[in-house]
Amino acid sequence: MDKLSVELLDALQTDGRLTNFELADRIGLSASQCSRRRAALEADGTIASYHAVLSDEALGLDVTAYVQVKLATHSPDNSEHFMALIEALDEVQEAYSLTGEADYLIRLIVPDLKSLARILNDVFLPHDSVAQVRSSIVLDRLKRTTRVPLSHLRAESQGRKNKTTKGSTKKTRQKSVTQLKTKRAR
């Protein structure tokens, strides 16, 4: 991925509503070039979607909890049964399959502790696929971002640029030496 595509992605992460004309001003391309690059990044799945990020707190979702779940058995049917459960719960924001003691880590957002207790006690614990549940309640959010780090892509594109520049410099020196030898031979 070249430097301009990385800059385009960075700008869109900051504001996904930027028009191609606004992108062009920011990264120094024409609007049509921005449009083509954006379309290519959407087509290859690099840009997965555009959406509004809502505030949990503004919507009265004041409690965030991380729940570790250990399954009763590790059969494919049991895992699928549990996945169907978490897919059906709107309160589940993220779910990860893990290595280690717990099988899954789930992030929930709910209005209050009573709602969290209801989900843990009435939904997770009685579920056939679940053996154990442990929860941790977030006291304070220190950082929240939807941005994906792009620094490795910047370094990669800079490395390619340096290799190209070094190659060009070497070719230029070789050409100069050849021209000098030709002049001396005359």
N, C-alpha and C. Protein backbone atom coordinates (compact mmCIF):
# COMPACT_ATOMS: atom_id res chain seq x y z
N MET A 1 0.86 -1.17 0.00
CA MET A 1 0.00 0.00 0.00
C MET A 1 0.90 1.23 0.00
N ASP A 2 0.63 2.17 -0.88
CA ASP A 2 1.48 3.35 -0.98
C ASP A 2 1.07 4.43 0.03
N LYS A 3 1.94 5.43 0.13
CA LYS A 3 1.77 6.51 1.11
C LYS A 3 0.43 7.23 0.95
N LEU A 4 0.01 7.48 -0.27
CA LEU A 4 -1.23 8.22 -0.51
C LEU A 4 -2.46 7.42 -0.06
N SER A 5 -2.43 6.12 -0.26
CA SER A 5 -3.55 5.28 0.21
C SER A 5 -3.60 5.27 1.73
N VAL A 6 -2.44 5.22 2.38
CA VAL A 6 -2.38 5.27 3.85
C VAL A 6 -2.93 6.60 4.34
N GLU A 7 -2.56 7.71 3.68
CA GLU A 7 -3.08 9.03 4.06
C GLU A 7 -4.59 9.10 3.87
N LEU A 8 -5.08 8.52 2.79
CA LEU A 8 -6.52 8.49 2.53
C LEU A 8 -7.24 7.72 3.65
N LEU A 9 -6.71 6.56 4.02
CA LEU A 9 -7.31 5.77 5.11
C LEU A 9 -7.29 6.53 6.42
N ASP A 10 -6.18 7.19 6.70
CA ASP A 10 -6.06 7.95 7.95
C ASP A 10 -7.10 9.07 8.00
N ALA A 11 -7.27 9.78 6.89
CA ALA A 11 -8.25 10.87 6.83
C ALA A 11 -9.67 10.33 7.01
N LEU A 12 -9.97 9.20 6.38
CA LEU A 12 -11.32 8.63 6.50
C LEU A 12 -11.59 8.07 7.90
N GLN A 13 -10.54 7.59 8.59
CA GLN A 13 -10.74 7.15 9.97
C GLN A 13 -11.10 8.32 10.88
N THR A 14 -10.55 9.49 10.56
CA THR A 14 -10.85 10.69 11.34
C THR A 14 -12.26 11.17 11.05
N ASP A 15 -12.64 11.15 9.77
CA ASP A 15 -13.98 11.59 9.38
C ASP A 15 -14.43 10.80 8.16
N GLY A 16 -15.25 9.80 8.38
CA GLY A 16 -15.72 8.93 7.31
C GLY A 16 -16.68 9.60 6.35
N ARG A 17 -17.12 10.83 6.68
CA ARG A 17 -18.06 11.55 5.81
C ARG A 17 -17.36 12.47 4.82
N LEU A 18 -16.03 12.46 4.79
CA LEU A 18 -15.31 13.33 3.86
C LEU A 18 -15.69 13.02 2.42
N THR A 19 -15.92 14.08 1.65
CA THR A 19 -16.18 13.90 0.22
C THR A 19 -14.84 13.67 -0.49
N ASN A 20 -14.90 13.25 -1.73
CA ASN A 20 -13.67 13.06 -2.49
C ASN A 20 -12.95 14.38 -2.72
N PHE A 21 -13.70 15.48 -2.83
CA PHE A 21 -13.08 16.80 -2.98
C PHE A 21 -12.33 17.18 -1.71
N GLU A 22 -12.92 16.92 -0.54
CA GLU A 22 -12.25 17.21 0.73
C GLU A 22 -11.02 16.33 0.92
N LEU A 23 -11.13 15.06 0.54
CA LEU A 23 -9.97 14.15 0.60
C LEU A 23 -8.85 14.66 -0.30
N ALA A 24 -9.22 15.11 -1.49
CA ALA A 24 -8.24 15.61 -2.44
C ALA A 24 -7.44 16.77 -1.84
N ASP A 25 -8.14 17.68 -1.16
CA ASP A 25 -7.46 18.81 -0.52
C ASP A 25 -6.50 18.34 0.56
N ARG A 26 -6.89 17.32 1.30
CA ARG A 26 -6.07 16.85 2.42
C ARG A 26 -4.84 16.07 1.99
N ILE A 27 -4.96 15.27 0.93
CA ILE A 27 -3.83 14.40 0.60
C ILE A 27 -3.11 14.77 -0.69
N GLY A 28 -3.62 15.77 -1.39
CA GLY A 28 -2.90 16.26 -2.57
C GLY A 28 -3.11 15.46 -3.84
N LEU A 29 -4.27 14.87 -3.98
CA LEU A 29 -4.64 14.18 -5.23
C LEU A 29 -5.87 14.86 -5.81
N SER A 30 -6.22 14.49 -7.02
CA SER A 30 -7.47 15.00 -7.59
C SER A 30 -8.64 14.23 -6.97
N ALA A 31 -9.82 14.81 -7.05
CA ALA A 31 -11.02 14.15 -6.51
C ALA A 31 -11.28 12.83 -7.21
N SER A 32 -11.03 12.77 -8.51
CA SER A 32 -11.27 11.52 -9.25
C SER A 32 -10.28 10.43 -8.82
N GLN A 33 -9.02 10.81 -8.55
CA GLN A 33 -8.05 9.83 -8.06
C GLN A 33 -8.44 9.33 -6.67
N CYS A 34 -8.92 10.24 -5.82
CA CYS A 34 -9.40 9.84 -4.49
C CYS A 34 -10.58 8.89 -4.60
N SER A 35 -11.47 9.18 -5.52
CA SER A 35 -12.64 8.33 -5.73
C SER A 35 -12.23 6.93 -6.16
N ARG A 36 -11.28 6.84 -7.09
CA ARG A 36 -10.81 5.53 -7.56
C ARG A 36 -10.12 4.76 -6.44
N ARG A 37 -9.27 5.45 -5.68
CA ARG A 37 -8.56 4.78 -4.58
C ARG A 37 -9.55 4.30 -3.52
N ARG A 38 -10.49 5.16 -3.16
CA ARG A 38 -11.50 4.81 -2.16
C ARG A 38 -12.30 3.59 -2.63
N ALA A 39 -12.73 3.60 -3.88
CA ALA A 39 -13.51 2.48 -4.43
C ALA A 39 -12.69 1.18 -4.39
N ALA A 40 -11.41 1.27 -4.71
CA ALA A 40 -10.55 0.08 -4.68
C ALA A 40 -10.39 -0.44 -3.25
N LEU A 41 -10.22 0.47 -2.28
CA LEU A 41 -10.08 0.07 -0.88
C LEU A 41 -11.38 -0.52 -0.32
N GLU A 42 -12.50 -0.04 -0.82
CA GLU A 42 -13.79 -0.62 -0.43
C GLU A 42 -13.96 -2.00 -1.06
N ALA A 43 -13.59 -2.11 -2.33
CA ALA A 43 -13.76 -3.38 -3.06
C ALA A 43 -12.88 -4.50 -2.49
N ASP A 44 -11.66 -4.14 -2.05
CA ASP A 44 -10.78 -5.20 -1.52
C ASP A 44 -11.01 -5.47 -0.04
N GLY A 45 -11.96 -4.75 0.57
CA GLY A 45 -12.31 -5.00 1.96
C GLY A 45 -11.48 -4.25 2.98
N THR A 46 -10.52 -3.43 2.53
CA THR A 46 -9.72 -2.64 3.47
C THR A 46 -10.63 -1.68 4.23
N ILE A 47 -11.52 -1.00 3.51
CA ILE A 47 -12.57 -0.20 4.14
C ILE A 47 -13.78 -1.11 4.27
N ALA A 48 -14.06 -1.52 5.51
CA ALA A 48 -15.11 -2.52 5.75
C ALA A 48 -16.51 -1.90 5.75
N SER A 49 -16.64 -0.69 6.32
CA SER A 49 -17.96 -0.05 6.39
C SER A 49 -17.83 1.39 6.87
N TYR A 50 -18.92 2.10 6.78
CA TYR A 50 -19.02 3.46 7.31
C TYR A 50 -20.20 3.45 8.28
N HIS A 51 -20.01 4.04 9.46
CA HIS A 51 -21.11 4.07 10.42
C HIS A 51 -20.89 5.16 11.46
N ALA A 52 -21.96 5.51 12.15
CA ALA A 52 -21.87 6.48 13.24
C ALA A 52 -21.50 5.75 14.52
N VAL A 53 -20.61 6.33 15.32
CA VAL A 53 -20.24 5.77 16.62
C VAL A 53 -21.10 6.48 17.66
N LEU A 54 -21.96 5.72 18.32
CA LEU A 54 -22.88 6.28 19.30
C LEU A 54 -22.25 6.30 20.69
N SER A 55 -22.68 7.22 21.51
CA SER A 55 -22.19 7.33 22.88
C SER A 55 -23.03 6.45 23.80
N ASP A 56 -22.39 5.46 24.44
CA ASP A 56 -23.09 4.59 25.39
C ASP A 56 -23.75 5.43 26.49
N GLU A 57 -22.95 6.34 27.05
CA GLU A 57 -23.42 7.13 28.18
C GLU A 57 -24.62 8.01 27.81
N ALA A 58 -24.56 8.64 26.65
CA ALA A 58 -25.66 9.50 26.21
C ALA A 58 -26.95 8.71 26.03
N LEU A 59 -26.81 7.41 25.79
CA LEU A 59 -27.98 6.55 25.58
C LEU A 59 -28.37 5.79 26.85
N GLY A 60 -27.75 6.16 27.98
CA GLY A 60 -28.10 5.55 29.26
C GLY A 60 -27.52 4.16 29.48
N LEU A 61 -26.51 3.80 28.71
CA LEU A 61 -25.83 2.52 28.90
C LEU A 61 -24.58 2.77 29.73
N ASP A 62 -24.77 2.83 31.04
CA ASP A 62 -23.74 3.30 31.96
C ASP A 62 -22.79 2.23 32.48
N VAL A 63 -23.10 0.96 32.27
CA VAL A 63 -22.27 -0.12 32.80
C VAL A 63 -21.66 -0.93 31.65
N THR A 64 -20.33 -1.01 31.68
CA THR A 64 -19.61 -1.88 30.75
C THR A 64 -18.99 -2.99 31.58
N ALA A 65 -19.13 -4.21 31.12
CA ALA A 65 -18.55 -5.36 31.83
C ALA A 65 -17.87 -6.28 30.83
N TYR A 66 -16.80 -6.90 31.31
CA TYR A 66 -16.13 -7.95 30.54
C TYR A 66 -16.44 -9.26 31.23
N VAL A 67 -16.92 -10.21 30.46
CA VAL A 67 -17.36 -11.49 31.00
C VAL A 67 -16.51 -12.60 30.39
N GLN A 68 -15.90 -13.41 31.25
CA GLN A 68 -15.16 -14.59 30.80
C GLN A 68 -16.07 -15.80 30.95
N VAL A 69 -16.16 -16.57 29.89
CA VAL A 69 -17.04 -17.74 29.90
C VAL A 69 -16.21 -18.98 29.60
N LYS A 70 -16.42 -20.00 30.43
CA LYS A 70 -15.82 -21.31 30.20
C LYS A 70 -16.94 -22.25 29.81
N LEU A 71 -16.78 -22.94 28.69
CA LEU A 71 -17.82 -23.84 28.21
C LEU A 71 -17.80 -25.17 28.96
N ALA A 72 -18.96 -25.82 29.00
CA ALA A 72 -19.09 -27.12 29.65
C ALA A 72 -18.29 -28.19 28.90
N THR A 73 -18.40 -28.18 27.58
CA THR A 73 -17.61 -29.08 26.72
C THR A 73 -17.15 -28.30 25.50
N HIS A 74 -16.19 -28.85 24.81
CA HIS A 74 -15.65 -28.15 23.64
C HIS A 74 -16.07 -28.79 22.33
N SER A 75 -17.24 -29.35 22.32
CA SER A 75 -17.75 -29.95 21.08
C SER A 75 -18.20 -28.85 20.13
N PRO A 76 -18.16 -29.12 18.83
CA PRO A 76 -18.62 -28.12 17.86
C PRO A 76 -20.07 -27.70 18.10
N ASP A 77 -20.93 -28.65 18.45
CA ASP A 77 -22.34 -28.32 18.71
C ASP A 77 -22.48 -27.36 19.88
N ASN A 78 -21.72 -27.61 20.95
CA ASN A 78 -21.78 -26.76 22.13
C ASN A 78 -21.31 -25.35 21.81
N SER A 79 -20.22 -25.25 21.05
CA SER A 79 -19.70 -23.93 20.66
C SER A 79 -20.71 -23.18 19.80
N GLU A 80 -21.32 -23.88 18.85
CA GLU A 80 -22.33 -23.24 17.99
C GLU A 80 -23.54 -22.79 18.80
N HIS A 81 -23.93 -23.59 19.77
CA HIS A 81 -25.07 -23.27 20.63
C HIS A 81 -24.77 -21.98 21.43
N PHE A 82 -23.54 -21.88 21.94
CA PHE A 82 -23.14 -20.69 22.69
C PHE A 82 -23.05 -19.47 21.76
N MET A 83 -22.49 -19.65 20.57
CA MET A 83 -22.39 -18.54 19.62
C MET A 83 -23.77 -18.00 19.25
N ALA A 84 -24.75 -18.88 19.12
CA ALA A 84 -26.13 -18.44 18.82
C ALA A 84 -26.66 -17.60 19.97
N LEU A 85 -26.31 -17.96 21.19
CA LEU A 85 -26.75 -17.19 22.36
C LEU A 85 -26.19 -15.77 22.31
N ILE A 86 -24.89 -15.64 22.11
CA ILE A 86 -24.31 -14.29 22.15
C ILE A 86 -24.70 -13.46 20.93
N GLU A 87 -24.95 -14.11 19.81
CA GLU A 87 -25.44 -13.38 18.62
C GLU A 87 -26.82 -12.78 18.89
N ALA A 88 -27.62 -13.43 19.71
CA ALA A 88 -28.99 -12.97 19.97
C ALA A 88 -29.06 -11.84 20.99
N LEU A 89 -27.97 -11.57 21.70
CA LEU A 89 -27.97 -10.54 22.75
C LEU A 89 -27.44 -9.22 22.21
N ASP A 90 -28.29 -8.20 22.15
CA ASP A 90 -27.85 -6.87 21.70
C ASP A 90 -26.82 -6.26 22.63
N GLU A 91 -26.85 -6.63 23.89
CA GLU A 91 -25.92 -6.08 24.88
C GLU A 91 -24.48 -6.52 24.63
N VAL A 92 -24.30 -7.61 23.92
CA VAL A 92 -22.95 -8.10 23.60
C VAL A 92 -22.38 -7.24 22.47
N GLN A 93 -21.33 -6.51 22.78
CA GLN A 93 -20.69 -5.62 21.81
C GLN A 93 -19.54 -6.29 21.09
N GLU A 94 -18.82 -7.14 21.81
CA GLU A 94 -17.69 -7.86 21.23
C GLU A 94 -17.61 -9.22 21.90
N ALA A 95 -17.13 -10.20 21.17
CA ALA A 95 -16.92 -11.53 21.73
C ALA A 95 -15.69 -12.13 21.07
N TYR A 96 -14.82 -12.71 21.88
CA TYR A 96 -13.58 -13.28 21.39
C TYR A 96 -13.41 -14.70 21.90
N SER A 97 -12.92 -15.56 21.06
CA SER A 97 -12.52 -16.91 21.45
C SER A 97 -11.07 -16.80 21.94
N LEU A 98 -10.76 -17.43 23.07
CA LEU A 98 -9.47 -17.24 23.71
C LEU A 98 -8.70 -18.54 23.89
N THR A 99 -7.40 -18.39 24.13
CA THR A 99 -6.60 -19.47 24.68
C THR A 99 -6.56 -19.24 26.18
N GLY A 100 -6.17 -20.23 26.95
CA GLY A 100 -6.07 -20.05 28.40
C GLY A 100 -7.25 -20.62 29.14
N GLU A 101 -7.46 -20.10 30.36
CA GLU A 101 -8.48 -20.65 31.25
C GLU A 101 -9.90 -20.44 30.75
N ALA A 102 -10.21 -19.25 30.28
CA ALA A 102 -11.56 -18.97 29.75
C ALA A 102 -11.60 -19.29 28.26
N ASP A 103 -12.76 -19.68 27.79
CA ASP A 103 -12.93 -19.98 26.37
C ASP A 103 -13.33 -18.74 25.57
N TYR A 104 -14.08 -17.83 26.22
CA TYR A 104 -14.56 -16.62 25.55
C TYR A 104 -14.42 -15.41 26.46
N LEU A 105 -14.19 -14.27 25.83
CA LEU A 105 -14.22 -12.98 26.52
C LEU A 105 -15.26 -12.14 25.81
N ILE A 106 -16.20 -11.61 26.59
CA ILE A 106 -17.34 -10.89 26.02
C ILE A 106 -17.41 -9.51 26.65
N ARG A 107 -17.62 -8.49 25.82
CA ARG A 107 -17.85 -7.13 26.34
C ARG A 107 -19.33 -6.83 26.21
N LEU A 108 -19.93 -6.48 27.34
CA LEU A 108 -21.35 -6.13 27.41
C LEU A 108 -21.51 -4.68 27.79
N ILE A 109 -22.54 -4.02 27.27
CA ILE A 109 -22.94 -2.72 27.79
C ILE A 109 -24.41 -2.80 28.16
N VAL A 110 -24.71 -2.29 29.36
CA VAL A 110 -26.08 -2.36 29.90
C VAL A 110 -26.38 -1.07 30.66
N PRO A 111 -27.66 -0.79 30.91
CA PRO A 111 -28.01 0.44 31.61
C PRO A 111 -27.55 0.48 33.07
N ASP A 112 -27.58 -0.67 33.76
CA ASP A 112 -27.30 -0.66 35.19
C ASP A 112 -26.86 -2.04 35.66
N LEU A 113 -26.48 -2.12 36.94
CA LEU A 113 -26.02 -3.39 37.51
C LEU A 113 -27.12 -4.45 37.54
N LYS A 114 -28.34 -4.03 37.75
CA LYS A 114 -29.47 -4.96 37.76
C LYS A 114 -29.59 -5.67 36.40
N SER A 115 -29.41 -4.92 35.33
CA SER A 115 -29.46 -5.49 33.98
C SER A 115 -28.32 -6.48 33.75
N LEU A 116 -27.13 -6.13 34.26
CA LEU A 116 -25.99 -7.03 34.14
C LEU A 116 -26.25 -8.33 34.91
N ALA A 117 -26.75 -8.20 36.13
CA ALA A 117 -27.06 -9.38 36.95
C ALA A 117 -28.08 -10.27 36.25
N ARG A 118 -29.07 -9.66 35.62
CA ARG A 118 -30.09 -10.44 34.91
C ARG A 118 -29.47 -11.25 33.78
N ILE A 119 -28.58 -10.63 33.01
CA ILE A 119 -27.95 -11.35 31.89
C ILE A 119 -27.07 -12.48 32.41
N LEU A 120 -26.28 -12.19 33.44
CA LEU A 120 -25.39 -13.22 33.98
C LEU A 120 -26.17 -14.37 34.60
N ASN A 121 -27.14 -14.04 35.47
CA ASN A 121 -27.86 -15.06 36.24
C ASN A 121 -28.99 -15.75 35.47
N ASP A 122 -29.64 -15.02 34.58
CA ASP A 122 -30.81 -15.59 33.90
C ASP A 122 -30.53 -16.05 32.47
N VAL A 123 -29.41 -15.60 31.90
CA VAL A 123 -29.13 -15.96 30.51
C VAL A 123 -27.88 -16.85 30.41
N PHE A 124 -26.73 -16.36 30.90
CA PHE A 124 -25.49 -17.12 30.75
C PHE A 124 -25.43 -18.36 31.65
N LEU A 125 -25.58 -18.17 32.95
CA LEU A 125 -25.40 -19.29 33.88
C LEU A 125 -26.32 -20.49 33.64
N PRO A 126 -27.60 -20.29 33.36
CA PRO A 126 -28.45 -21.46 33.12
C PRO A 126 -28.29 -22.10 31.73
N HIS A 127 -27.53 -21.48 30.86
CA HIS A 127 -27.39 -21.99 29.49
C HIS A 127 -26.64 -23.33 29.50
N ASP A 128 -27.12 -24.29 28.74
CA ASP A 128 -26.56 -25.64 28.70
C ASP A 128 -25.08 -25.68 28.34
N SER A 129 -24.63 -24.79 27.50
CA SER A 129 -23.25 -24.84 27.02
C SER A 129 -22.25 -24.22 27.99
N VAL A 130 -22.72 -23.50 29.01
CA VAL A 130 -21.85 -22.73 29.90
C VAL A 130 -21.56 -23.50 31.19
N ALA A 131 -20.25 -23.57 31.54
CA ALA A 131 -19.84 -24.20 32.79
C ALA A 131 -19.53 -23.15 33.86
N GLN A 132 -18.92 -22.04 33.44
CA GLN A 132 -18.48 -21.04 34.42
C GLN A 132 -18.51 -19.65 33.80
N VAL A 133 -18.86 -18.65 34.63
CA VAL A 133 -18.90 -17.26 34.20
C VAL A 133 -18.20 -16.41 35.24
N ARG A 134 -17.32 -15.53 34.79
CA ARG A 134 -16.66 -14.55 35.67
C ARG A 134 -16.81 -13.19 35.01
N SER A 135 -17.11 -12.19 35.82
CA SER A 135 -17.30 -10.85 35.24
C SER A 135 -16.43 -9.82 35.94
N SER A 136 -16.06 -8.80 35.19
CA SER A 136 -15.34 -7.64 35.71
C SER A 136 -16.06 -6.41 35.19
N ILE A 137 -16.36 -5.50 36.11
CA ILE A 137 -17.08 -4.28 35.75
C ILE A 137 -16.07 -3.15 35.54
N VAL A 138 -16.22 -2.43 34.46
CA VAL A 138 -15.33 -1.31 34.15
C VAL A 138 -15.66 -0.15 35.07
N LEU A 139 -14.64 0.37 35.77
CA LEU A 139 -14.83 1.53 36.64
C LEU A 139 -14.72 2.83 35.85
N ASP A 140 -13.74 2.88 34.94
CA ASP A 140 -13.52 4.10 34.17
C ASP A 140 -12.87 3.73 32.84
N ARG A 141 -13.40 4.25 31.76
CA ARG A 141 -12.81 4.01 30.44
C ARG A 141 -11.66 4.99 30.25
N LEU A 142 -10.47 4.46 30.01
CA LEU A 142 -9.29 5.30 29.84
C LEU A 142 -9.04 5.67 28.38
N LYS A 143 -9.45 4.81 27.48
CA LYS A 143 -9.27 5.08 26.06
C LYS A 143 -10.33 4.32 25.28
N ARG A 144 -10.84 4.97 24.26
CA ARG A 144 -11.77 4.32 23.34
C ARG A 144 -11.46 4.85 21.95
N THR A 145 -11.27 3.95 21.03
CA THR A 145 -11.01 4.36 19.66
C THR A 145 -11.58 3.32 18.70
N THR A 146 -11.91 3.78 17.53
CA THR A 146 -12.28 2.87 16.46
C THR A 146 -11.20 2.89 15.39
N ARG A 147 -10.14 3.68 15.64
CA ARG A 147 -9.06 3.81 14.67
C ARG A 147 -8.19 2.54 14.66
N VAL A 148 -7.79 2.14 13.48
CA VAL A 148 -6.86 1.03 13.30
C VAL A 148 -5.48 1.64 13.12
N PRO A 149 -4.44 1.13 13.80
CA PRO A 149 -3.11 1.71 13.62
C PRO A 149 -2.61 1.52 12.19
N LEU A 150 -2.01 2.57 11.65
CA LEU A 150 -1.50 2.54 10.28
C LEU A 150 0.01 2.77 10.22
N SER A 151 0.65 2.92 11.38
CA SER A 151 2.08 3.26 11.40
C SER A 151 2.94 2.21 10.70
N HIS A 152 2.57 0.93 10.79
CA HIS A 152 3.35 -0.11 10.10
C HIS A 152 3.26 0.05 8.58
N LEU A 153 2.13 0.54 8.08
CA LEU A 153 1.98 0.77 6.64
C LEU A 153 2.78 1.98 6.20
N ARG A 154 2.82 3.01 7.07
CA ARG A 154 3.62 4.20 6.74
C ARG A 154 5.10 3.82 6.65
N ALA A 155 5.56 3.03 7.63
CA ALA A 155 6.97 2.61 7.64
C ALA A 155 7.28 1.75 6.41
N GLU A 156 6.34 0.87 6.06
CA GLU A 156 6.51 -0.01 4.90
C GLU A 156 6.60 0.81 3.61
N SER A 157 5.69 1.78 3.44
CA SER A 157 5.72 2.59 2.21
C SER A 157 6.95 3.48 2.19
N GLN A 158 7.41 3.94 3.35
CA GLN A 158 8.63 4.75 3.42
C GLN A 158 9.84 3.89 3.06
N GLY A 159 9.84 2.63 3.51
CA GLY A 159 10.93 1.71 3.17
C GLY A 159 11.01 1.47 1.68
N ARG A 160 9.85 1.29 1.03
CA ARG A 160 9.83 1.10 -0.43
C ARG A 160 10.34 2.36 -1.13
N LYS A 161 9.96 3.51 -0.60
CA LYS A 161 10.39 4.78 -1.21
C LYS A 161 11.91 4.90 -1.11
N ASN A 162 12.47 4.57 0.07
CA ASN A 162 13.91 4.65 0.25
C ASN A 162 14.64 3.68 -0.68
N LYS A 163 14.11 2.46 -0.86
CA LYS A 163 14.73 1.50 -1.77
C LYS A 163 14.70 2.02 -3.20
N THR A 164 13.57 2.62 -3.60
CA THR A 164 13.44 3.17 -4.94
C THR A 164 14.42 4.31 -5.13
N THR A 165 14.53 5.19 -4.13
CA THR A 165 15.44 6.32 -4.20
C THR A 165 16.88 5.83 -4.29
N LYS A 166 17.25 4.84 -3.47
CA LYS A 166 18.61 4.30 -3.50
C LYS A 166 18.91 3.69 -4.85
N GLY A 167 17.96 2.94 -5.39
CA GLY A 167 18.13 2.32 -6.71
C GLY A 167 18.29 3.37 -7.79
N SER A 168 17.49 4.42 -7.72
CA SER A 168 17.57 5.51 -8.71
C SER A 168 18.91 6.22 -8.61
N THR A 169 19.38 6.45 -7.37
CA THR A 169 20.66 7.12 -7.16
C THR A 169 21.79 6.27 -7.72
N LYS A 170 21.73 4.96 -7.48
CA LYS A 170 22.75 4.05 -7.98
C LYS A 170 22.77 4.06 -9.51
N LYS A 171 21.60 4.01 -10.14
CA LYS A 171 21.51 4.03 -11.60
C LYS A 171 22.06 5.35 -12.15
N THR A 172 21.74 6.46 -11.47
CA THR A 172 22.22 7.78 -11.90
C THR A 172 23.74 7.82 -11.83
N ARG A 173 24.32 7.30 -10.73
CA ARG A 173 25.78 7.27 -10.60
C ARG A 173 26.40 6.41 -11.70
N GLN A 174 25.79 5.24 -11.97
CA GLN A 174 26.32 4.37 -13.02
C GLN A 174 26.28 5.07 -14.37
N LYS A 175 25.18 5.78 -14.63
CA LYS A 175 25.02 6.50 -15.89
C LYS A 175 26.08 7.60 -16.00
N SER A 176 26.32 8.32 -14.89
CA SER A 176 27.32 9.39 -14.88
C SER A 176 28.71 8.84 -15.13
N VAL A 177 29.04 7.71 -14.50
CA VAL A 177 30.35 7.09 -14.69
C VAL A 177 30.51 6.65 -16.15
N THR A 178 29.46 6.06 -16.72
CA THR A 178 29.50 5.62 -18.12
C THR A 178 29.70 6.82 -19.04
N GLN A 179 28.98 7.92 -18.79
CA GLN A 179 29.12 9.12 -19.62
C GLN A 179 30.53 9.70 -19.50
N LEU A 180 31.09 9.68 -18.28
CA LEU A 180 32.43 10.20 -18.05
C LEU A 180 33.46 9.36 -18.81
N LYS A 181 33.32 8.03 -18.77
CA LYS A 181 34.24 7.15 -19.48
C LYS A 181 34.15 7.38 -20.99
N THR A 182 32.92 7.60 -21.49
CA THR A 182 32.71 7.85 -22.91
C THR A 182 33.40 9.14 -23.33
N LYS A 183 33.29 10.19 -22.50
CA LYS A 183 33.93 11.47 -22.82
C LYS A 183 35.44 11.33 -22.83
N ARG A 184 36.00 10.58 -21.88
CA ARG A 184 37.45 10.39 -21.81
C ARG A 184 37.96 9.60 -23.01
N ALA A 185 37.14 8.65 -23.44
CA ALA A 185 37.55 7.81 -24.57
C ALA A 185 37.62 8.61 -25.87
N ARG A 186 36.85 9.68 -25.98
CA ARG A 186 36.84 10.49 -27.20
C ARG A 186 38.09 11.26 -27.24
